[in-house]
Amino acid sequence: MQNTIRHWATVIDIVQYGLEGNPQKVRDYAEVLLQLLEKDGQDIIVKSLRRELSGSSIGEMVYTAEQQ
């Protein structure tokens, strides 16, 4: 249960920094989330998220979110 709360807290941080337009913080906290998920053995989720992060620009994602 404690791990789940930490994961969600990190997701909330990622969303907050994305809405603020801070792509570096989004990337930093995404890495924190990846480390937490790796520690919990969530290898499939980690692989998928790493692929998404490497294949897209966080800055572009933030800019797109601001335009909507």
Protein backbone atom coordinates (compact mmCIF):
# COMPACT_ATOMS: atom_id res chain seq x y z
CA MET A 1 0.00 0.00 0.00
CA GLN A 2 2.82 2.39 0.92
CA ASN A 3 4.48 1.86 -2.48
CA THR A 4 1.23 2.62 -4.28
CA ILE A 5 0.88 5.90 -2.40
CA ARG A 6 4.47 6.86 -3.30
CA HIS A 7 3.82 6.04 -6.95
CA TRP A 8 0.68 8.17 -7.06
CA ALA A 9 2.41 11.04 -5.29
CA THR A 10 5.08 10.95 -7.99
CA VAL A 11 2.47 10.84 -10.75
CA ILE A 12 0.79 13.90 -9.22
CA ASP A 13 4.15 15.70 -9.20
CA ILE A 14 4.65 14.84 -12.88
CA VAL A 15 1.22 16.22 -13.79
CA GLN A 16 1.80 19.37 -11.72
CA TYR A 17 5.12 20.15 -13.40
CA GLY A 18 3.64 19.36 -16.80
CA LEU A 19 0.85 21.87 -16.23
CA GLU A 20 3.40 24.43 -15.06
CA GLY A 21 5.34 23.92 -18.28
CA ASN A 22 8.47 22.58 -16.62
CA PRO A 23 9.66 19.76 -18.89
CA GLN A 24 12.90 19.17 -16.97
CA LYS A 25 11.00 18.49 -13.75
CA VAL A 26 8.59 16.23 -15.66
CA ARG A 27 11.54 14.22 -16.95
CA ASP A 28 13.20 14.15 -13.50
CA TYR A 29 10.08 12.90 -11.76
CA ALA A 30 9.35 10.42 -14.53
CA GLU A 31 12.78 8.95 -13.80
CA VAL A 32 11.90 8.76 -10.10
CA LEU A 33 8.70 6.92 -11.00
CA LEU A 34 10.64 4.54 -13.24
CA GLN A 35 13.02 3.75 -10.40
CA LEU A 36 10.14 3.08 -8.00
CA LEU A 37 8.42 0.81 -10.51
CA GLU A 38 11.67 -1.03 -11.24
CA LYS A 39 12.20 -1.61 -7.53
CA ASP A 40 8.70 -3.11 -7.35
CA GLY A 41 9.42 -5.44 -10.28
CA GLN A 42 7.05 -3.71 -12.72
CA ASP A 43 9.34 -4.45 -15.67
CA ILE A 44 6.69 -4.33 -18.40
CA ILE A 45 5.45 -0.92 -17.28
CA VAL A 46 9.01 0.38 -16.97
CA LYS A 47 9.91 -0.81 -20.46
CA SER A 48 6.80 0.76 -21.96
CA LEU A 49 7.26 4.07 -20.15
CA ARG A 50 10.96 4.26 -21.07
CA ARG A 51 10.03 3.68 -24.71
CA GLU A 52 7.46 6.49 -24.57
CA LEU A 53 9.87 8.89 -22.90
CA SER A 54 12.68 8.18 -25.35
CA GLY A 55 10.41 8.44 -28.39
CA SER A 56 8.79 11.74 -27.58
CA SER A 57 9.77 15.18 -26.45
CA ILE A 58 8.52 16.11 -23.00
CA GLY A 59 8.70 19.77 -24.01
CA GLU A 60 6.40 19.14 -26.96
CA MET A 61 3.97 17.27 -24.72
CA VAL A 62 3.84 20.17 -22.27
CA TYR A 63 3.39 22.71 -25.07
CA THR A 64 0.55 20.64 -26.56
CA ALA A 65 -1.16 20.39 -23.16
CA GLU A 66 -0.97 24.17 -22.74
CA GLN A 67 -2.61 24.75 -26.12
CA GLN A 68 -5.68 22.66 -25.24
